[in-house]
Protein backbone atom coordinates (compact mmCIF):
# COMPACT_ATOMS: atom_id res chain seq x y z
CA ASP A 1 0.16 -0.27 -0.07
CA LEU A 2 1.83 3.29 -1.25
CA HIS A 3 -0.68 5.32 0.99
CA LYS A 4 0.51 4.11 4.08
CA PRO A 5 4.37 3.33 5.23
CA ILE A 6 5.01 0.33 6.78
CA ASP A 7 7.08 2.61 9.60
CA LYS A 8 7.77 6.13 9.78
CA ARG A 9 10.52 7.86 12.10
CA ILE A 10 11.41 11.74 12.64
CA TYR A 11 14.70 12.18 13.69
CA LYS A 12 15.81 15.33 15.31
CA GLY A 13 19.98 17.10 15.34
CA THR A 14 21.17 14.53 12.61
CA GLN A 15 19.68 13.01 9.34
CA PRO A 16 19.60 9.82 7.92
CA THR A 17 22.49 9.47 4.96
CA CYS A 18 22.41 5.73 3.85
CA HIS A 19 20.52 2.84 4.54
CA ASP A 20 20.50 -1.16 3.93
CA PHE A 21 17.88 -3.63 4.24
CA ASN A 22 19.49 -7.37 5.38
CA GLN A 23 18.26 -9.59 2.15
CA PHE A 24 19.80 -12.35 3.39
CA THR A 25 17.74 -12.74 6.83
CA ALA A 26 14.23 -10.82 5.83
CA ALA A 27 11.52 -13.07 6.51
CA ALA A 28 8.14 -12.63 7.44
CA ASP A 29 8.70 -11.98 11.10
CA THR A 30 12.19 -10.05 11.33
CA ILE A 31 13.31 -7.09 8.65
CA ALA A 32 17.03 -5.76 9.93
CA LEU A 33 17.75 -2.12 8.62
CA LEU A 34 20.67 -0.21 9.15
CA VAL A 35 20.32 3.45 8.78
CA GLY A 36 23.25 5.78 8.90
CA PHE A 37 23.72 9.68 10.05
CA SER A 38 25.13 12.87 9.31
CA ALA A 39 26.62 12.98 12.52
CA GLY A 40 28.43 9.18 12.55
CA GLN A 41 26.03 7.04 14.33
CA VAL A 42 24.73 4.16 12.98
CA GLN A 43 21.24 2.66 13.78
CA CYS A 44 20.07 -1.19 13.64
CA LEU A 45 16.31 -1.49 13.51
CA ASP A 46 13.80 -4.36 13.23
CA LEU A 47 10.59 -3.07 11.41
CA VAL A 48 8.87 -6.09 12.35
CA LYS A 49 9.84 -6.25 15.59
CA LYS A 50 9.63 -2.57 16.86
CA ASP A 51 11.38 -2.71 20.12
CA ALA A 52 14.61 -4.46 19.15
CA SER A 53 16.79 -1.23 17.99
CA LYS A 54 20.21 -0.62 18.63
CA LEU A 55 22.59 2.46 18.25
CA PHE A 56 26.32 2.13 16.92
CA ASN A 57 28.44 4.65 17.88
CA GLU A 58 26.28 6.54 20.02
CA GLU A 59 28.77 8.89 21.99
CA ARG A 60 30.60 9.30 18.41
CA LEU A 61 33.75 7.94 19.98
CA ILE A 62 35.18 5.53 17.14
CA ASP A 63 34.23 8.76 14.08
CA LYS A 64 32.62 12.05 14.66
CA THR A 65 32.52 12.11 11.01
CA LYS A 66 28.74 11.39 7.97
CA VAL A 67 28.23 7.91 7.45
CA THR A 68 28.45 7.53 3.63
CA PHE A 69 27.17 4.41 3.13
CA VAL A 70 26.28 0.87 5.37
CA LYS A 71 26.23 -2.32 3.83
CA TRP A 72 25.46 -5.88 5.33
CA LEU A 73 28.06 -7.96 4.52
CA PRO A 74 26.92 -11.13 2.05
CA GLU A 75 24.83 -13.57 3.60
CA THR A 76 25.71 -12.94 7.12
CA GLU A 77 23.26 -12.12 9.52
CA ARG A 78 25.12 -10.18 12.21
CA LEU A 79 28.28 -8.24 10.51
CA PHE A 80 28.39 -4.95 8.31
CA LEU A 81 30.65 -2.24 7.52
CA ALA A 82 29.91 1.70 7.65
CA SER A 83 32.13 4.33 5.52
CA HIS A 84 32.42 7.72 6.88
CA ALA A 85 33.51 10.87 5.48
CA SER A 86 36.88 10.82 6.94
CA GLY A 87 37.85 7.85 4.55
CA HIS A 88 37.32 5.25 7.69
CA LEU A 89 35.62 1.80 6.97
CA TYR A 90 34.59 0.17 10.02
CA LEU A 91 33.84 -3.34 10.55
CA TYR A 92 30.87 -4.07 13.25
CA ASP A 93 29.08 -6.64 14.43
CA ALA A 94 25.51 -6.20 15.79
CA GLU A 95 25.79 -8.56 18.63
CA GLN A 96 28.54 -6.74 20.52
CA PRO A 97 28.80 -3.57 22.59
CA CYS A 98 30.71 -0.49 21.02
CA GLY A 99 32.66 0.26 24.66
CA ALA A 100 32.55 3.52 26.93
CA ALA A 101 35.98 4.82 25.83
CA ALA A 102 37.29 5.52 22.14
CA PRO A 103 38.57 2.55 20.78
CA GLN A 104 42.66 1.71 20.66
CA TYR A 105 43.92 -0.16 17.57
CA ASN A 106 46.80 -2.36 16.24
CA LEU A 107 47.82 -1.91 12.81
CA LEU A 108 47.44 -5.43 10.82
CA THR A 109 48.42 -4.78 7.45
CA GLN A 110 49.11 -1.94 5.35
CA GLY A 111 49.51 -0.71 1.52
CA GLU A 112 49.67 1.55 -1.44
CA GLY A 113 47.12 4.14 -0.04
CA PHE A 114 45.29 2.15 2.41
CA SER A 115 45.71 0.49 6.09
CA VAL A 116 43.74 -1.78 8.57
CA PHE A 117 43.82 -1.63 12.09
CA ALA A 118 42.28 -4.16 14.50
CA CYS A 119 40.45 -2.91 17.80
CA LYS A 120 42.76 -3.73 20.94
CA SER A 121 40.17 -4.96 23.64
CA LYS A 122 40.52 -7.60 25.99
CA THR A 123 36.83 -8.51 25.40
CA PRO A 124 35.10 -8.46 21.87
CA ARG A 125 33.90 -5.02 21.07
CA ASN A 126 33.06 -2.39 18.30
CA PRO A 127 33.94 -2.08 15.70
CA LEU A 128 36.06 -5.09 14.74
CA LEU A 129 38.29 -3.78 12.01
CA LYS A 130 38.79 -0.29 10.83
CA TRP A 131 40.13 0.22 7.00
CA ALA A 132 41.57 3.85 6.22
CA VAL A 133 41.21 4.17 2.79
CA GLY A 134 42.75 6.71 0.36
CA GLU A 135 42.58 10.44 0.89
CA GLY A 136 39.08 12.42 1.71
CA ALA A 137 35.77 10.97 2.08
CA LEU A 138 35.03 7.27 1.01
CA ASN A 139 32.01 7.75 -0.75
CA GLU A 140 30.65 4.31 -2.09
CA PHE A 141 31.95 0.92 -1.70
CA ALA A 142 30.60 -2.41 -2.86
CA PHE A 143 31.08 -6.00 -2.53
CA SER A 144 31.57 -8.11 -6.03
CA PRO A 145 29.12 -11.15 -6.88
CA ASP A 146 30.67 -14.17 -4.85
CA GLY A 147 31.32 -11.52 -1.63
CA ARG A 148 35.01 -11.86 -1.81
CA SER A 149 35.75 -8.60 -3.19
CA LEU A 150 35.41 -5.45 -2.00
CA ALA A 151 35.33 -2.06 -4.28
CA CYS A 152 35.82 1.04 -2.93
CA VAL A 153 35.42 4.84 -4.54
CA SER A 154 36.90 7.78 -2.59
CA GLN A 155 36.89 11.69 -2.69
CA ASP A 156 40.49 11.47 -3.66
CA GLY A 157 39.27 10.22 -7.12
CA CYS A 158 41.07 6.22 -6.59
CA LEU A 159 38.77 3.01 -6.99
CA ARG A 160 40.60 0.52 -5.45
CA VAL A 161 39.54 -3.17 -4.93
CA PHE A 162 40.54 -5.61 -2.04
CA HIS A 163 40.48 -9.02 -1.58
CA PHE A 164 38.17 -8.71 1.56
CA ASP A 165 39.25 -11.62 3.93
CA SER A 166 42.90 -11.15 3.10
CA MET A 167 42.72 -7.55 3.21
CA LEU A 168 44.96 -7.07 -0.09
CA LEU A 169 45.00 -4.57 -2.97
CA GLN A 170 43.88 -6.59 -6.01
CA GLY A 171 43.58 -3.55 -8.68
CA MET A 172 43.12 -0.05 -8.35
CA MET A 173 42.09 2.67 -10.67
CA LYS A 174 41.83 6.86 -11.20
CA SER A 175 39.10 9.15 -12.24
CA TYR A 176 40.06 11.68 -15.10
CA PHE A 177 39.62 14.00 -12.27
CA GLY A 178 37.98 15.09 -9.13
CA GLY A 179 36.47 12.86 -6.47
CA LEU A 180 34.70 9.08 -7.58
CA LEU A 181 31.09 9.26 -6.41
CA CYS A 182 29.56 6.11 -6.86
CA VAL A 183 30.66 1.94 -7.96
CA CYS A 184 28.82 -1.27 -8.93
CA TRP A 185 30.14 -4.40 -10.09
CA SER A 186 28.54 -6.34 -13.24
CA PRO A 187 26.45 -9.32 -12.80
CA ASP A 188 28.89 -11.55 -13.00
CA GLY A 189 31.85 -9.53 -11.17
CA ARG A 190 34.30 -9.23 -14.42
CA TYR A 191 33.74 -5.45 -14.48
CA VAL A 192 33.23 -2.77 -12.00
CA VAL A 193 31.36 0.71 -13.08
CA THR A 194 32.16 4.11 -11.68
CA GLY A 195 30.91 7.91 -11.57
CA GLY A 196 32.01 10.87 -10.67
CA GLU A 197 33.04 14.43 -10.38
CA ASP A 198 34.51 14.19 -14.01
CA ASP A 199 30.92 13.78 -15.47
CA LEU A 200 32.26 10.68 -16.69
CA VAL A 201 31.06 6.60 -15.89
CA THR A 202 34.12 4.43 -16.34
CA VAL A 203 34.22 0.97 -16.92
CA TRP A 204 37.10 -1.19 -15.46
CA SER A 205 38.12 -5.04 -15.85
CA PHE A 206 38.64 -6.57 -12.76
CA ALA A 207 40.65 -9.53 -14.69
CA GLU A 208 42.94 -7.05 -16.70
CA GLY A 209 43.14 -4.16 -14.39
CA ARG A 210 42.36 -1.67 -16.79
CA VAL A 211 40.14 1.21 -17.77
CA VAL A 212 38.16 -0.38 -20.97
CA ALA A 213 35.97 2.42 -21.73
CA ARG A 214 34.70 5.51 -20.55
CA GLY A 215 30.72 6.72 -21.04
CA HIS A 216 30.58 10.65 -21.85
CA GLY A 217 26.77 11.91 -22.03
CA HIS A 218 26.23 13.59 -18.14
CA LYS A 219 26.86 17.30 -17.83
CA SER A 220 27.75 17.36 -13.81
CA TRP A 221 28.30 15.01 -11.53
CA VAL A 222 27.30 11.04 -11.75
CA ASN A 223 25.84 10.39 -8.30
CA ALA A 224 24.80 6.66 -9.53
CA VAL A 225 25.58 3.92 -11.36
CA ALA A 226 23.99 0.33 -11.30
CA PHE A 227 24.25 -2.98 -13.82
CA ASP A 228 20.90 -4.09 -15.21
CA PRO A 229 21.08 -7.92 -14.25
CA PHE A 230 17.80 -8.45 -16.44
CA THR A 231 18.91 -7.39 -19.86
CA GLY A 232 21.44 -9.29 -22.17
CA ALA A 233 23.95 -11.74 -21.43
CA ALA A 234 24.79 -10.27 -18.45
CA GLN A 235 24.48 -13.22 -16.52
CA SER A 236 27.14 -15.57 -18.06
CA PRO A 237 28.82 -13.93 -21.15
CA GLN A 238 31.93 -15.25 -22.56
CA PRO A 239 35.09 -14.16 -24.48
CA PRO A 240 34.56 -14.83 -28.13
CA GLU A 241 36.97 -17.88 -29.17
CA LEU A 242 38.11 -18.59 -32.06
CA SER A 243 37.88 -21.75 -33.04
CA GLY A 244 40.74 -24.23 -34.16
CA GLY A 245 44.29 -23.55 -33.31
CA GLU A 246 45.74 -22.19 -36.68
CA GLU A 247 43.36 -19.20 -36.68
CA GLU A 248 44.56 -17.06 -33.43
CA ASP A 249 46.82 -15.55 -35.66
CA GLU A 250 44.48 -14.42 -38.48
CA PRO A 251 40.76 -13.46 -37.13
CA PRO A 252 38.00 -14.51 -39.45
CA ASP A 253 36.46 -12.20 -41.90
CA PRO A 254 34.79 -9.32 -40.31
CA LEU A 255 32.33 -9.08 -42.85
CA THR A 256 30.86 -12.50 -41.87
CA ARG A 257 30.85 -11.53 -38.53
CA ARG A 258 27.56 -10.87 -36.90
CA SER A 259 26.70 -7.73 -34.98
CA PRO A 260 27.60 -7.88 -31.46
CA ALA A 261 24.76 -8.47 -29.22
CA VAL A 262 23.81 -6.68 -25.82
CA THR A 263 27.04 -8.08 -23.33
CA TYR A 264 26.14 -5.94 -20.33
CA ARG A 265 23.65 -2.67 -20.19
CA PHE A 266 23.90 -0.35 -17.00
CA GLY A 267 22.52 3.02 -16.12
CA SER A 268 23.65 6.17 -14.61
CA ALA A 269 21.68 9.22 -12.98
CA GLY A 270 23.41 12.29 -12.42
CA GLN A 271 23.29 15.83 -10.64
CA ASP A 272 22.21 16.73 -14.27
CA THR A 273 19.30 15.57 -13.45
CA GLN A 274 19.90 13.10 -16.32
CA PHE A 275 19.30 8.89 -16.56
CA CYS A 276 21.64 7.13 -18.73
CA LEU A 277 21.43 4.11 -20.23
CA TRP A 278 24.57 2.69 -21.44
CA ASP A 279 25.42 -0.72 -23.46
CA LEU A 280 28.87 -2.44 -23.09
CA THR A 281 28.97 -4.78 -26.09
CA GLU A 282 31.63 -7.39 -27.30
CA ASP A 283 33.32 -4.98 -29.77
CA VAL A 284 34.38 -2.34 -26.80
CA LEU A 285 35.36 -5.44 -24.44
CA TYR A 286 37.21 -7.83 -27.11
CA PRO A 287 38.42 -5.51 -29.72
CA ARG A 288 39.71 -7.70 -32.51
CA LEU A 289 43.08 -7.62 -34.06
CA PRO A 290 43.87 -5.47 -36.91
CA LEU A 291 43.09 -7.01 -40.35
CA SER A 292 47.02 -6.65 -42.74
CA ARG A 293 47.07 -3.37 -44.18
CA ALA A 294 46.34 -5.21 -47.92
CA ARG A 295 43.26 -6.51 -47.02
CA THR A 296 42.14 -3.03 -45.27
CA LEU A 297 42.28 -1.48 -49.06
CA THR A 298 39.88 -4.05 -50.43
CA GLY A 299 36.83 -1.44 -49.62
CA SER A 300 36.41 -3.08 -46.27
CA THR A 301 35.16 -0.72 -43.64
CA ASP A 302 34.60 -2.80 -40.69
CA ALA A 303 34.30 -1.05 -37.32
CA GLY A 304 37.55 -2.83 -36.16
CA ILE A 305 39.63 -1.91 -38.55
CA PRO A 306 42.02 1.23 -38.25
CA VAL A 307 41.46 3.55 -40.90
CA PRO A 308 44.44 3.88 -42.83
CA GLY A 309 46.52 7.43 -43.52
CA LEU A 310 45.10 8.40 -40.28
CA PRO A 311 47.94 9.83 -38.12
CA ARG A 312 47.87 7.76 -34.82
CA SER A 313 47.53 10.60 -32.94
CA LEU A 314 43.76 10.86 -33.62
CA SER A 315 43.26 7.16 -33.41
CA ARG A 316 41.80 6.13 -30.20
CA SER A 317 44.06 3.19 -29.26
CA ASN A 318 43.15 0.05 -26.25
CA SER A 319 46.62 -0.51 -26.31
CA LEU A 320 47.13 0.24 -22.38
CA PRO A 321 50.17 -1.68 -20.86
CA GLN A 322 48.85 -5.20 -19.96
CA PRO A 323 49.80 -5.86 -16.18
CA ALA A 324 51.71 -8.60 -15.82
CA GLY A 325 50.55 -12.48 -15.30
CA THR A 326 46.76 -11.38 -16.90
CA GLY A 327 47.59 -14.27 -19.47
CA SER A 328 45.81 -12.22 -22.51
CA ALA A 329 46.18 -14.45 -25.27
CA ARG A 330 44.65 -12.65 -27.47
CA GLY A 331 47.39 -9.98 -28.05
CA PRO A 332 47.56 -6.44 -28.15
CA PRO A 333 44.30 -4.91 -28.68
CA PRO A 334 44.41 -3.11 -31.69
CA ASP A 335 43.68 0.67 -32.28
CA VAL A 336 39.85 1.80 -32.86
CA PRO A 337 38.84 4.36 -35.21
CA PRO A 338 37.87 7.43 -34.02
CA ALA A 339 34.14 7.45 -34.68
CA LEU A 340 33.46 8.38 -31.29
CA SER A 341 35.78 11.06 -30.52
CA VAL A 342 35.27 13.89 -28.08
CA GLY A 343 34.27 16.17 -30.60
CA ARG A 344 31.29 14.17 -31.36
CA PHE A 345 29.62 14.71 -28.12
CA ALA A 346 29.13 18.14 -29.65
CA THR A 347 26.04 16.86 -30.98
CA LEU A 348 24.35 15.08 -28.23
CA THR A 349 23.41 18.44 -26.46
CA LEU A 350 22.48 19.92 -29.57
CA GLN A 351 18.76 20.89 -29.14
CA GLU A 352 19.17 21.92 -25.55
CA ARG A 353 21.62 24.88 -26.79
CA LYS A 354 19.90 28.13 -26.71
CA GLY A 355 21.82 30.97 -28.75
CA PRO A 356 25.59 31.58 -28.80
CA SER A 357 26.32 31.13 -24.97
CA GLY A 358 25.45 27.69 -24.85
CA ALA A 359 27.50 27.36 -27.95
CA GLU A 360 30.48 28.99 -26.15
CA LYS A 361 29.84 27.29 -22.95
CA GLU A 362 29.84 23.97 -24.57
CA HIS A 363 33.15 24.77 -26.58
CA LYS A 364 34.80 25.47 -23.38
CA ARG A 365 33.94 22.35 -21.80
CA TYR A 366 35.16 19.89 -24.25
CA HIS A 367 37.78 22.14 -24.93
CA SER A 368 38.92 21.77 -21.08
CA LEU A 369 38.51 17.90 -21.19
CA GLY A 370 41.16 18.14 -23.96
CA ASN A 371 43.34 20.85 -22.16
CA ILE A 372 43.60 17.98 -19.45
CA SER A 373 44.22 15.18 -21.26
CA ARG A 374 47.19 17.37 -23.06
CA SER A 375 48.53 19.36 -21.01
CA GLY A 376 50.76 18.12 -17.73
CA GLU A 377 48.50 20.42 -16.03
CA LYS A 378 47.09 19.25 -12.37
CA PRO A 379 42.97 19.34 -13.31
CA PRO A 380 40.92 20.74 -10.54
CA GLY A 381 40.41 18.40 -7.47
CA GLY A 382 43.08 16.47 -8.76
CA ALA A 383 45.87 16.50 -7.00
CA GLY A 384 46.36 17.52 -2.79
CA PRO A 385 47.60 16.41 0.17
CA ARG A 386 50.69 13.38 1.26
CA GLY A 387 49.24 9.95 0.38
CA ARG A 388 46.98 11.39 -2.85
CA LEU A 389 48.19 10.24 -6.14
CA ASP A 390 50.04 13.34 -8.53
CA THR A 391 47.25 13.25 -10.99
CA ALA A 392 49.88 15.03 -13.94
CA LYS A 393 51.83 11.88 -13.13
CA VAL A 394 49.29 9.59 -13.48
CA LEU A 395 47.62 11.04 -16.37
CA GLY A 396 48.46 8.63 -19.28
CA THR A 397 49.30 5.48 -17.86
CA ALA A 398 47.28 1.93 -16.96
CA LEU A 399 45.80 3.71 -13.37
CA CYS A 400 44.36 6.67 -15.76
CA PRO A 401 44.30 6.71 -19.71
CA ARG A 402 44.09 9.81 -21.91
CA ILE A 403 40.52 10.38 -23.24
CA HIS A 404 41.96 9.03 -26.72
CA GLU A 405 43.27 6.13 -25.29
CA VAL A 406 39.91 4.30 -24.69
CA PRO A 407 36.67 3.67 -26.60
CA LEU A 408 34.11 6.55 -25.39
CA LEU A 409 30.75 5.18 -25.07
CA GLU A 410 27.87 7.28 -26.19
CA PRO A 411 24.70 6.90 -23.82
CA LEU A 412 21.70 4.50 -25.84
CA VAL A 413 19.22 6.60 -23.53
CA CYS A 414 19.93 10.20 -22.72
CA LYS A 415 16.83 12.15 -20.61
CA LYS A 416 16.05 14.56 -17.98
CA ILE A 417 13.95 12.97 -15.82
CA ALA A 418 13.56 15.50 -12.55
CA HIS A 419 13.80 18.73 -11.44
CA GLU A 420 16.59 17.97 -8.68
CA ARG A 421 19.84 16.08 -8.64
CA LEU A 422 19.02 12.10 -9.05
CA THR A 423 20.78 10.25 -6.09
CA VAL A 424 19.12 6.64 -6.85
CA LEU A 425 18.83 4.09 -9.41
CA LEU A 426 17.82 0.69 -8.83
CA PHE A 427 17.14 -1.72 -11.74
CA LEU A 428 14.41 -4.32 -10.90
CA GLU A 429 12.69 -6.97 -13.32
CA ASP A 430 9.46 -4.96 -14.09
CA CYS A 431 10.25 -1.45 -14.27
CA ILE A 432 13.52 1.33 -12.88
CA VAL A 433 13.36 3.07 -10.03
CA THR A 434 15.04 6.31 -9.30
CA ALA A 435 15.53 8.97 -6.22
CA CYS A 436 16.10 12.36 -6.26
CA GLN A 437 17.13 15.23 -3.73
CA GLU A 438 13.38 16.65 -3.58
CA GLY A 439 12.42 12.88 -2.30
CA LEU A 440 10.46 12.16 -5.17
CA ILE A 441 10.44 8.09 -6.07
CA CYS A 442 9.43 7.19 -9.49
CA THR A 443 9.24 3.94 -11.53
CA TRP A 444 10.01 4.02 -15.07
CA ALA A 445 8.43 1.38 -17.61
CA ARG A 446 11.94 -0.30 -19.33
CA PRO A 447 12.51 0.71 -22.92
CA GLY A 448 9.99 -1.18 -25.33
CA LYS A 449 7.70 -2.12 -22.76
């Protein structure tokens, strides 16, 4: 009944900032809900058993900053994680107390841009663990579908992926500039998509440890990204294998190749009030080897062939340094023709321009993107205090390839759907759910329905 809420609470002096239901224990007689607050506390309540409410970090002895994200550990009854604007991430046990004094910690392990501490205590108490990740706020985190890996995005513009149990860093990526605000895993755990203050969505391959594509369609910060688990072959896509042992060196004729099917679909929602849908297809994920020059000149114009005579600087290249030990048998990825160079994106906003001022703004915007990728200057919000990556040095490396070095995706759908900035995006089987800063929750019919 959408006219009558199951539960309603009004808080004074602090605002709820994030929440998570425990899907693993949810039943007719229990619905466990975590709520994080702007002053740092975390509440655990049960919407069925009204009196079973607990408050963690009540005296703010553990952390005084805003809770940015809370999440139950996958398939557990009692354990949950809470991240804070301080850049710290805490592991709690819902059955343990928090203690009357501020916790003392022992260093367990540390690595590039992170440290992990255990709570010093004779009796079990919260937090069980404390992670210090990156510089600035830890904005969001997400567990991989198998629950083994944890992806964190921070205000320092870094995506860091950890093996959760061993607390080791498995991979890292840097935003084009500014902080990263949201993160999501593909349903099969192969790819991680992030969105942030560079107005881009970035697709990072977990297996290969590199950026495979960027999506440009938003005109402001990207607040939410989500994969659609019900579209395409997202459940079990396999890289297209070449049959036979002889053909590894010479791929099949491109003209006989079928057009790529939708392999993954994901959505993004931004502060520009726009919702974008993106398709990640096989031709982007598994670029074919270029054919020999002789065959290129026979008039074939397949999308996977570099255009002859084009200066290399204009040709977008996907060939980033491969991390050692990825065991890629596909050879170096080829150049991709500049069908989607940055300039083309001006056409996306054509109908919204009003007079010369709009054109100037657009020109400046794309010009500034180009400037950052060419000059060694530090982009706004890029570099900062100790421990943060120097953006100027990272640009053009595997951590943060330049704009022309990876394929740029265009959105399949790009639609203004709200008056206030969008903050939530969720794919359900029969609809898409969005919510905005104004407090409006909307359900949308899927494209084609």
